[in-house]
Amino acid sequence: MNGKDRIDVLIVGAGPAGIAAGIGARRAGAERVVVAERDWDLGGILQQCIHPGFGLRTFKEELTGPEYMHRFVQQAREAGVEFLTNTMVFRMDPDGGLWTMNRERGIERLTAGAVVLAMGCRERPLGAIRVPGTRPAGIYTAGTAQRFVNMEGGMPGRRAVILGSGDIGLIMARRMVWEGASVEGVYEVMSWAGGLRRNIAQCLDDYGIPFHLETTVTRVHGHDRLEGVTVAKVDERRAPIPDTERFVPCDTLLLAVGLIPENELSRMAGLAIHPVTGGPVVNDLLQTSRPSVFAAGNVSIVYDLVDNVSDEGLRAGENAARYARGELSAARAIPVRGGENVRLFLPQCVTGETDVTIYMRVTHPIEGACQVTAEPGLFSRRLRYARPGEMCEAHIEAQRVRAANPEEIVVDVQPA
């Protein structure tokens, strides 16, 4: 590719958000849409998610991850989206220019009328949670183990402990059992599960895998190969309680201790980063603090469902195409704020140009009837419960925002 060729919309990442953004941009009239992907194949993390459960909302049937992505890739190719695989985007300039590296083409600087960031997220490693001990073989993030088993045909070990109850960890607990391994237990430092309720039921309960809340790994044992871990109960400050420690023999430790938006490129470009989500601050049009740069999917906030990621990618692509044609106005941005029981939310500001869904996670679970609200008087809905592992939503109509003309929008979830 000649770096001087005109690109209307340039997208970083060919996972669910990036491919959907390509489709959205082409549908909105962008003539040339290019997706840069560092992997040799398309699909992102869903390439390794061979379990079913995808597509129920988007395609009205249950699909595996590869099946779900195959349909989107096919739509993107039919729409005329161009893909650059084996292409690493290693730098983003403040003006939106992207530096890429590819074995055949070398180093190029690409520019476009608009850019969509769709790099997804990464897993927190063991070093991020400061567990003392050695670092022997046998310690993996859950996603790395998933790729190892599902795509490389290997097994990380035969006797596993899982730290954290994120969805990938729960799914890998079941997968390890399917492959003949034993799972000694899943240990979660919080007093609630980090993953979806259905994954607790289908991946742990159905297989009799022990689930320990308010418990964490305090030490790793072994030199060349993991020999076991020490676990302990924690107090209200999440500090280990000494007299509760016990040794659990294992040869594998899988980490499901949270996901972090990939934000290196966002920081390079000087985009505003939200201090809690760790991703770019975006408005309801999915524009970042630099109007020509959009962000979609898990690069902004980590979602529960791939359907939400794909929906957001489509909207980001559509709006990026509009921006590239000079059709987006500089509308007023109304800040969104989380209430007493909301920690994570997106978008962080609303223009009032379009209907918007504000996604949020509660700080503390409510195991009973509760009310999701967006004030002043923009939305109210009753739920049966609210948990940090499952997103709540507030659907706000643009006309209500324009009529109320608020100084800010406050979202919260409180007992009913």
Protein backbone atom coordinates (compact mmCIF):
# COMPACT_ATOMS: atom_id res chain seq x y z
CA MET A 1 0.00 0.00 0.00
CA ASN A 2 1.20 3.49 -0.78
CA GLY A 3 1.08 5.53 2.42
CA LYS A 4 -0.13 8.53 0.42
CA ASP A 5 -3.30 6.78 -0.77
CA ARG A 6 -6.46 8.37 0.60
CA ILE A 7 -8.09 6.42 3.42
CA ASP A 8 -11.47 7.59 4.68
CA VAL A 9 -11.61 5.50 7.85
CA LEU A 10 -8.63 3.67 9.34
CA ILE A 11 -9.34 1.09 12.05
CA VAL A 12 -6.87 -0.47 14.49
CA GLY A 13 -7.75 -4.05 15.43
CA ALA A 14 -9.72 -6.75 13.60
CA GLY A 15 -11.63 -8.17 16.54
CA PRO A 16 -15.41 -7.87 17.00
CA ALA A 17 -15.34 -4.07 17.40
CA GLY A 18 -12.90 -3.39 14.57
CA ILE A 19 -14.59 -5.55 11.95
CA ALA A 20 -18.00 -4.17 12.89
CA ALA A 21 -16.57 -0.65 12.62
CA GLY A 22 -15.42 -1.44 9.10
CA ILE A 23 -18.90 -2.61 8.15
CA GLY A 24 -20.48 0.45 9.76
CA ALA A 25 -18.14 2.83 7.95
CA ARG A 26 -18.84 1.28 4.56
CA ARG A 27 -22.58 1.27 5.18
CA ALA A 28 -22.37 4.96 6.05
CA GLY A 29 -20.75 5.74 2.70
CA ALA A 30 -17.00 5.75 3.39
CA GLU A 31 -15.27 4.85 0.13
CA ARG A 32 -12.06 3.38 1.49
CA VAL A 33 -12.00 1.64 4.84
CA VAL A 34 -8.83 -0.10 6.03
CA VAL A 35 -8.43 -2.33 9.12
CA ALA A 36 -4.90 -2.95 10.46
CA GLU A 37 -4.47 -6.15 12.48
CA ARG A 38 -1.24 -7.39 14.12
CA ASP A 39 -2.26 -11.07 13.96
CA TRP A 40 -2.07 -13.18 10.82
CA ASP A 41 -5.83 -13.86 10.94
CA LEU A 42 -9.00 -11.93 11.67
CA GLY A 43 -11.30 -12.25 14.66
CA GLY A 44 -9.30 -11.16 17.68
CA ILE A 45 -9.92 -13.00 20.92
CA LEU A 46 -12.95 -14.83 19.50
CA GLN A 47 -10.67 -17.03 17.41
CA GLN A 48 -9.89 -18.99 20.58
CA CYS A 49 -13.40 -18.90 22.11
CA ILE A 50 -14.62 -22.23 20.75
CA HIS A 51 -17.40 -22.56 23.32
CA PRO A 52 -21.01 -21.69 22.35
CA GLY A 53 -23.00 -18.76 23.70
CA PHE A 54 -22.32 -16.03 21.13
CA GLY A 55 -24.74 -14.34 18.76
CA LEU A 56 -28.02 -14.93 20.54
CA ARG A 57 -28.94 -11.26 20.24
CA THR A 58 -27.20 -10.37 16.98
CA PHE A 59 -27.97 -13.48 14.93
CA LYS A 60 -30.82 -15.00 17.00
CA GLU A 61 -28.95 -18.30 17.34
CA GLU A 62 -26.20 -19.74 19.49
CA LEU A 63 -22.77 -19.73 17.86
CA THR A 64 -19.18 -20.37 18.87
CA GLY A 65 -16.74 -17.46 18.82
CA PRO A 66 -15.15 -18.44 15.47
CA GLU A 67 -18.60 -18.93 13.91
CA TYR A 68 -19.72 -15.51 15.15
CA MET A 69 -16.63 -13.79 13.76
CA HIS A 70 -16.80 -15.68 10.44
CA ARG A 71 -20.18 -14.09 9.76
CA PHE A 72 -18.89 -10.60 10.50
CA VAL A 73 -15.72 -11.11 8.46
CA GLN A 74 -17.81 -12.31 5.53
CA GLN A 75 -20.04 -9.23 5.79
CA ALA A 76 -16.99 -6.97 5.95
CA ARG A 77 -15.39 -8.51 2.86
CA GLU A 78 -18.67 -8.26 0.95
CA ALA A 79 -18.92 -4.60 2.00
CA GLY A 80 -15.46 -3.90 0.57
CA VAL A 81 -13.46 -3.43 3.77
CA GLU A 82 -9.68 -3.81 3.25
CA PHE A 83 -7.58 -5.73 5.77
CA LEU A 84 -3.88 -5.42 6.56
CA THR A 85 -2.87 -8.47 8.59
CA ASN A 86 0.53 -9.08 10.20
CA THR A 87 0.62 -5.32 10.62
CA MET A 88 1.58 -3.82 13.95
CA VAL A 89 0.49 -0.26 14.71
CA PHE A 90 3.28 0.85 17.02
CA ARG A 91 2.74 4.57 17.26
CA MET A 92 -0.05 7.12 17.01
CA ASP A 93 0.79 10.79 16.50
CA PRO A 94 -1.24 13.59 18.08
CA ASP A 95 -2.66 14.45 14.62
CA GLY A 96 -4.08 10.92 14.27
CA GLY A 97 -1.39 9.54 11.97
CA LEU A 98 -0.60 5.87 12.56
CA TRP A 99 2.81 4.27 12.14
CA THR A 100 2.66 0.62 11.03
CA MET A 101 5.22 -2.14 10.62
CA ASN A 102 4.87 -5.07 8.27
CA ARG A 103 7.48 -7.58 7.09
CA GLU A 104 6.78 -7.03 3.39
CA ARG A 105 6.04 -3.29 3.33
CA GLY A 106 8.35 -2.15 6.10
CA ILE A 107 7.42 0.92 8.14
CA GLU A 108 4.67 3.22 6.90
CA ARG A 109 2.81 6.22 8.25
CA LEU A 110 -0.90 6.06 7.40
CA THR A 111 -3.35 8.92 7.66
CA ALA A 112 -7.11 8.96 7.29
CA GLY A 113 -10.14 11.22 7.52
CA ALA A 114 -11.04 9.46 10.80
CA VAL A 115 -9.53 6.74 12.97
CA VAL A 116 -11.32 4.08 15.03
CA LEU A 117 -9.40 2.49 17.91
CA ALA A 118 -10.55 -1.09 18.48
CA MET A 119 -7.55 -2.77 20.11
CA GLY A 120 -9.59 -4.50 22.80
CA CYS A 121 -8.16 -5.28 26.22
CA ARG A 122 -5.51 -7.40 27.89
CA GLU A 123 -5.32 -9.48 31.05
CA ARG A 124 -3.68 -8.41 34.28
CA PRO A 125 -0.59 -10.56 34.92
CA LEU A 126 0.56 -11.96 38.25
CA GLY A 127 2.95 -9.06 38.76
CA ALA A 128 0.05 -6.62 38.74
CA ILE A 129 -1.41 -8.16 41.91
CA ARG A 130 1.88 -8.58 43.79
CA VAL A 131 1.63 -12.21 44.89
CA PRO A 132 4.93 -13.13 46.57
CA GLY A 133 6.95 -16.20 45.73
CA THR A 134 8.93 -17.56 42.82
CA ARG A 135 7.86 -17.51 39.18
CA PRO A 136 8.03 -21.15 38.08
CA ALA A 137 6.55 -22.64 34.92
CA GLY A 138 2.82 -23.29 35.16
CA ILE A 139 1.50 -19.75 35.76
CA TYR A 140 -0.70 -18.42 32.96
CA THR A 141 -3.33 -15.79 32.43
CA ALA A 142 -6.62 -17.53 31.67
CA GLY A 143 -6.69 -16.16 28.13
CA THR A 144 -3.19 -17.41 27.38
CA ALA A 145 -4.16 -20.86 28.63
CA GLN A 146 -7.31 -20.72 26.52
CA ARG A 147 -5.29 -20.04 23.37
CA PHE A 148 -2.80 -22.76 24.32
CA VAL A 149 -5.55 -25.37 24.71
CA ASN A 150 -8.01 -24.33 22.01
CA MET A 151 -5.64 -23.22 19.24
CA GLU A 152 -2.26 -24.81 19.94
CA GLY A 153 -3.58 -28.18 21.12
CA GLY A 154 -1.59 -28.26 24.35
CA MET A 155 -2.39 -28.46 28.05
CA PRO A 156 -0.86 -26.12 30.65
CA GLY A 157 -1.06 -28.77 33.36
CA ARG A 158 -3.18 -31.43 35.02
CA ARG A 159 -4.01 -29.97 38.43
CA ALA A 160 -5.15 -26.36 38.38
CA VAL A 161 -6.03 -23.52 40.73
CA ILE A 162 -7.79 -20.46 39.32
CA LEU A 163 -7.32 -17.07 40.94
CA GLY A 164 -10.14 -14.66 40.21
CA SER A 165 -13.63 -15.29 38.86
CA GLY A 166 -13.60 -13.38 35.59
CA ASP A 167 -15.54 -15.01 32.77
CA ILE A 168 -12.48 -16.36 30.93
CA GLY A 169 -11.29 -18.02 34.13
CA LEU A 170 -14.69 -19.61 34.72
CA ILE A 171 -14.84 -20.89 31.16
CA MET A 172 -11.31 -22.28 31.45
CA ALA A 173 -12.24 -24.10 34.65
CA ARG A 174 -14.79 -26.07 32.65
CA ARG A 175 -12.42 -26.48 29.70
CA MET A 176 -9.70 -27.95 31.90
CA VAL A 177 -12.15 -30.50 33.28
CA TRP A 178 -13.25 -31.41 29.75
CA GLU A 179 -9.60 -32.13 28.90
CA GLY A 180 -9.18 -34.44 31.88
CA ALA A 181 -7.52 -32.08 34.35
CA SER A 182 -8.69 -31.50 37.91
CA VAL A 183 -9.54 -27.99 39.12
CA GLU A 184 -8.84 -27.70 42.83
CA GLY A 185 -10.88 -24.53 43.17
CA VAL A 186 -11.63 -20.99 42.02
CA TYR A 187 -10.55 -18.33 44.54
CA GLU A 188 -12.04 -14.82 44.48
CA VAL A 189 -10.83 -12.04 46.78
CA MET A 190 -14.14 -10.16 46.63
CA SER A 191 -17.37 -11.22 48.31
CA TRP A 192 -19.07 -11.58 44.92
CA ALA A 193 -18.28 -13.24 41.60
CA GLY A 194 -16.53 -11.27 38.89
CA GLY A 195 -18.17 -13.11 35.99
CA LEU A 196 -21.65 -13.61 34.65
CA ARG A 197 -24.12 -15.57 36.74
CA ARG A 198 -24.71 -18.05 33.90
CA ASN A 199 -20.99 -18.89 33.79
CA ILE A 200 -20.94 -19.61 37.52
CA ALA A 201 -23.79 -22.06 36.99
CA GLN A 202 -22.62 -23.66 33.74
CA CYS A 203 -18.87 -23.75 34.36
CA LEU A 204 -18.54 -24.32 38.11
CA ASP A 205 -21.79 -25.60 39.61
CA ASP A 206 -22.45 -28.12 36.82
CA TYR A 207 -19.00 -29.66 37.32
CA GLY A 208 -18.75 -29.51 41.09
CA ILE A 209 -15.79 -27.13 41.04
CA PRO A 210 -15.34 -25.46 44.46
CA PHE A 211 -15.81 -21.67 44.47
CA HIS A 212 -14.30 -19.74 47.39
CA LEU A 213 -15.27 -16.09 47.91
CA GLU A 214 -13.23 -13.68 50.08
CA THR A 215 -10.21 -15.90 49.51
CA THR A 216 -6.98 -15.23 47.62
CA VAL A 217 -3.59 -16.71 46.76
CA THR A 218 -0.94 -15.36 49.14
CA ARG A 219 2.15 -17.24 47.93
CA VAL A 220 3.41 -19.24 44.97
CA HIS A 221 5.56 -22.34 45.61
CA GLY A 222 8.01 -24.11 43.31
CA HIS A 223 11.27 -23.46 41.50
CA ASP A 224 11.33 -24.92 37.99
CA ARG A 225 7.68 -26.00 38.01
CA LEU A 226 4.75 -24.81 40.11
CA GLU A 227 4.21 -27.15 43.06
CA GLY A 228 1.35 -25.41 44.81
CA VAL A 229 -0.05 -22.18 46.21
CA THR A 230 -0.97 -20.89 49.64
CA VAL A 231 -4.49 -19.50 49.91
CA ALA A 232 -6.09 -17.57 52.74
CA LYS A 233 -9.35 -15.88 53.67
CA VAL A 234 -9.33 -12.08 53.61
CA ASP A 235 -10.84 -9.46 55.90
CA GLU A 236 -13.03 -6.49 54.98
CA ARG A 237 -9.94 -4.63 53.73
CA ARG A 238 -9.03 -7.64 51.55
CA ALA A 239 -5.94 -8.32 53.66
CA PRO A 240 -5.11 -12.04 54.24
CA ILE A 241 -6.07 -13.45 57.64
CA PRO A 242 -2.93 -15.34 58.81
CA ASP A 243 -4.52 -18.23 60.69
CA THR A 244 -6.67 -19.16 57.67
CA GLU A 245 -3.74 -19.98 55.35
CA ARG A 246 -3.54 -23.43 53.77
CA PHE A 247 -1.45 -25.06 51.05
CA VAL A 248 -3.14 -26.27 47.84
CA PRO A 249 -1.04 -28.63 45.66
CA CYS A 250 -1.23 -27.79 41.93
CA ASP A 251 0.94 -27.62 38.82
CA THR A 252 -1.03 -24.82 37.14
CA LEU A 253 -2.22 -21.41 38.29
CA LEU A 254 -4.60 -19.58 35.96
CA LEU A 255 -5.16 -15.86 36.53
CA ALA A 256 -8.56 -14.32 35.89
CA VAL A 257 -7.96 -11.14 37.86
CA GLY A 258 -9.35 -8.53 35.52
CA LEU A 259 -8.99 -7.00 32.09
CA ILE A 260 -7.37 -3.69 31.15
CA PRO A 261 -8.17 -1.67 27.99
CA GLU A 262 -5.22 -1.47 25.59
CA ASN A 263 -4.41 2.22 25.85
CA GLU A 264 -0.80 2.69 24.71
CA LEU A 265 -1.80 4.23 21.36
CA SER A 266 -4.45 6.35 23.07
CA ARG A 267 -1.85 7.79 25.43
CA MET A 268 0.61 8.40 22.60
CA ALA A 269 -1.99 10.51 20.83
CA GLY A 270 -2.66 12.51 23.99
CA LEU A 271 -6.26 11.35 24.31
CA ALA A 272 -8.02 11.91 27.62
CA ILE A 273 -8.00 8.63 29.59
CA HIS A 274 -10.70 7.89 32.14
CA PRO A 275 -9.05 7.25 35.53
CA VAL A 276 -11.33 4.33 36.41
CA THR A 277 -12.02 2.51 33.12
CA GLY A 278 -8.45 2.99 31.90
CA GLY A 279 -9.75 3.62 28.37
CA PRO A 280 -10.31 6.79 26.35
CA VAL A 281 -13.05 9.17 27.44
CA VAL A 282 -15.80 9.03 24.78
CA ASN A 283 -19.13 10.70 24.09
CA ASP A 284 -22.31 9.07 22.83
CA LEU A 285 -20.98 9.32 19.25
CA LEU A 286 -17.91 7.35 20.46
CA GLN A 287 -15.63 10.30 19.77
CA THR A 288 -12.62 10.66 22.01
CA SER A 289 -11.18 13.97 23.22
CA ARG A 290 -9.71 14.30 19.70
CA PRO A 291 -12.80 14.56 17.42
CA SER A 292 -11.23 12.68 14.48
CA VAL A 293 -10.45 9.65 16.68
CA PHE A 294 -13.19 7.25 17.77
CA ALA A 295 -12.99 4.29 20.16
CA ALA A 296 -15.16 1.19 20.27
CA GLY A 297 -15.48 -1.98 22.31
CA ASN A 298 -13.23 -3.19 25.09
CA VAL A 299 -10.60 -0.55 24.37
CA SER A 300 -12.89 1.89 26.23
CA ILE A 301 -14.61 -0.28 28.82
CA VAL A 302 -14.73 -4.05 29.24
CA TYR A 303 -18.15 -5.39 28.23
CA ASP A 304 -19.94 -8.58 29.26
CA LEU A 305 -21.25 -9.53 25.81
CA VAL A 306 -19.67 -9.49 22.37
CA ASP A 307 -23.01 -8.30 20.97
CA ASN A 308 -22.50 -4.98 22.79
CA VAL A 309 -18.97 -4.73 21.40
CA SER A 310 -20.16 -5.33 17.83
CA ASP A 311 -23.03 -2.86 18.18
CA GLU A 312 -20.62 -0.22 19.41
CA GLY A 313 -18.21 -0.96 16.58
CA LEU A 314 -20.95 -0.43 13.99
CA ARG A 315 -21.85 2.94 15.51
CA ALA A 316 -18.22 4.02 15.75
CA GLY A 317 -17.66 3.16 12.09
CA GLU A 318 -20.79 4.99 10.99
CA ASN A 319 -19.88 8.14 12.95
CA ALA A 320 -16.27 8.00 11.78
CA ALA A 321 -17.49 7.96 8.18
CA ARG A 322 -19.72 10.95 8.91
CA TYR A 323 -16.81 12.81 10.47
CA ALA A 324 -14.57 12.06 7.49
CA ARG A 325 -17.21 13.70 5.26
CA GLY A 326 -17.48 16.72 7.56
CA GLU A 327 -21.03 15.93 8.70
CA LEU A 328 -20.59 15.78 12.49
CA SER A 329 -21.33 19.00 14.31
CA ALA A 330 -19.51 20.20 17.42
CA ALA A 331 -22.47 19.63 19.72
CA ARG A 332 -22.46 20.51 23.41
CA ALA A 333 -21.12 17.70 25.57
CA ILE A 334 -23.05 17.06 28.79
CA PRO A 335 -20.85 15.24 31.35
CA VAL A 336 -22.03 11.94 32.83
CA ARG A 337 -21.25 11.15 36.46
CA GLY A 338 -21.60 7.93 38.44
CA GLY A 339 -23.72 8.03 41.58
CA GLU A 340 -22.97 6.45 44.95
CA ASN A 341 -23.14 2.88 43.67
CA VAL A 342 -21.73 3.25 40.14
CA ARG A 343 -17.99 3.06 39.52
CA LEU A 344 -17.60 2.27 35.80
CA PHE A 345 -19.75 3.79 33.07
CA LEU A 346 -19.67 4.69 29.40
CA PRO A 347 -20.05 7.07 27.62
CA GLN A 348 -18.62 9.77 29.86
CA CYS A 349 -20.48 12.60 28.11
CA VAL A 350 -23.60 12.97 25.98
CA THR A 351 -24.20 15.32 23.05
CA GLY A 352 -27.98 14.93 22.78
CA GLU A 353 -27.65 14.26 19.04
CA THR A 354 -28.71 10.63 19.27
CA ASP A 355 -30.42 8.17 21.61
CA VAL A 356 -27.83 6.64 23.91
CA THR A 357 -27.39 3.63 26.17
CA ILE A 358 -25.22 4.30 29.19
CA TYR A 359 -23.54 1.09 30.35
CA MET A 360 -22.48 0.89 33.99
CA ARG A 361 -21.22 -1.46 36.69
CA VAL A 362 -22.27 -1.18 40.30
CA THR A 363 -19.68 -0.78 43.03
CA HIS A 364 -21.51 -3.05 45.48
CA PRO A 365 -23.98 -5.83 44.63
CA ILE A 366 -27.67 -5.51 45.39
CA GLU A 367 -29.23 -8.94 45.91
CA GLY A 368 -32.80 -7.80 45.56
CA ALA A 369 -35.04 -5.37 43.73
CA CYS A 370 -33.23 -2.23 42.67
CA GLN A 371 -33.71 0.84 40.50
CA VAL A 372 -31.47 2.03 37.66
CA THR A 373 -31.82 5.79 37.17
CA ALA A 374 -30.42 8.57 35.03
CA GLU A 375 -31.13 11.98 36.52
CA PRO A 376 -32.60 14.49 36.08
CA GLY A 377 -35.60 12.33 35.19
CA LEU A 378 -34.16 10.85 32.00
CA PHE A 379 -34.50 7.14 32.76
CA SER A 380 -35.74 4.76 35.44
CA ARG A 381 -36.00 1.00 35.38
CA ARG A 382 -36.50 -1.68 38.02
CA LEU A 383 -34.20 -4.72 38.12
CA ARG A 384 -34.35 -7.94 40.14
CA TYR A 385 -30.72 -7.55 41.24
CA ALA A 386 -27.47 -5.79 40.30
CA ARG A 387 -23.96 -7.25 40.48
CA PRO A 388 -20.54 -5.84 39.54
CA GLY A 389 -19.97 -8.73 37.13
CA GLU A 390 -23.03 -7.85 35.05
CA MET A 391 -23.56 -4.49 33.38
CA CYS A 392 -26.65 -2.38 33.95
CA GLU A 393 -28.04 -0.16 31.20
CA ALA A 394 -29.86 3.17 31.03
CA HIS A 395 -31.51 3.95 27.69
CA ILE A 396 -31.91 7.69 27.20
CA GLU A 397 -33.77 9.34 24.33
CA ALA A 398 -32.06 12.30 22.68
CA GLN A 399 -35.22 14.39 22.73
CA ARG A 400 -35.46 14.02 26.51
CA VAL A 401 -31.88 15.20 26.88
CA ARG A 402 -32.52 18.22 24.68
CA ALA A 403 -35.73 19.06 26.53
CA ALA A 404 -34.14 18.78 29.99
CA ASN A 405 -30.90 20.48 28.92
CA PRO A 406 -29.14 19.32 32.13
CA GLU A 407 -25.77 20.54 33.37
CA GLU A 408 -24.83 16.89 34.01
CA ILE A 409 -26.36 13.41 33.93
CA VAL A 410 -26.02 11.22 37.03
CA VAL A 411 -26.46 7.45 36.70
CA ASP A 412 -26.96 5.24 39.74
CA VAL A 413 -28.31 1.91 40.93
CA GLN A 414 -29.93 1.77 44.36
CA PRO A 415 -32.22 -0.63 46.26
CA ALA A 416 -35.84 -0.17 45.23
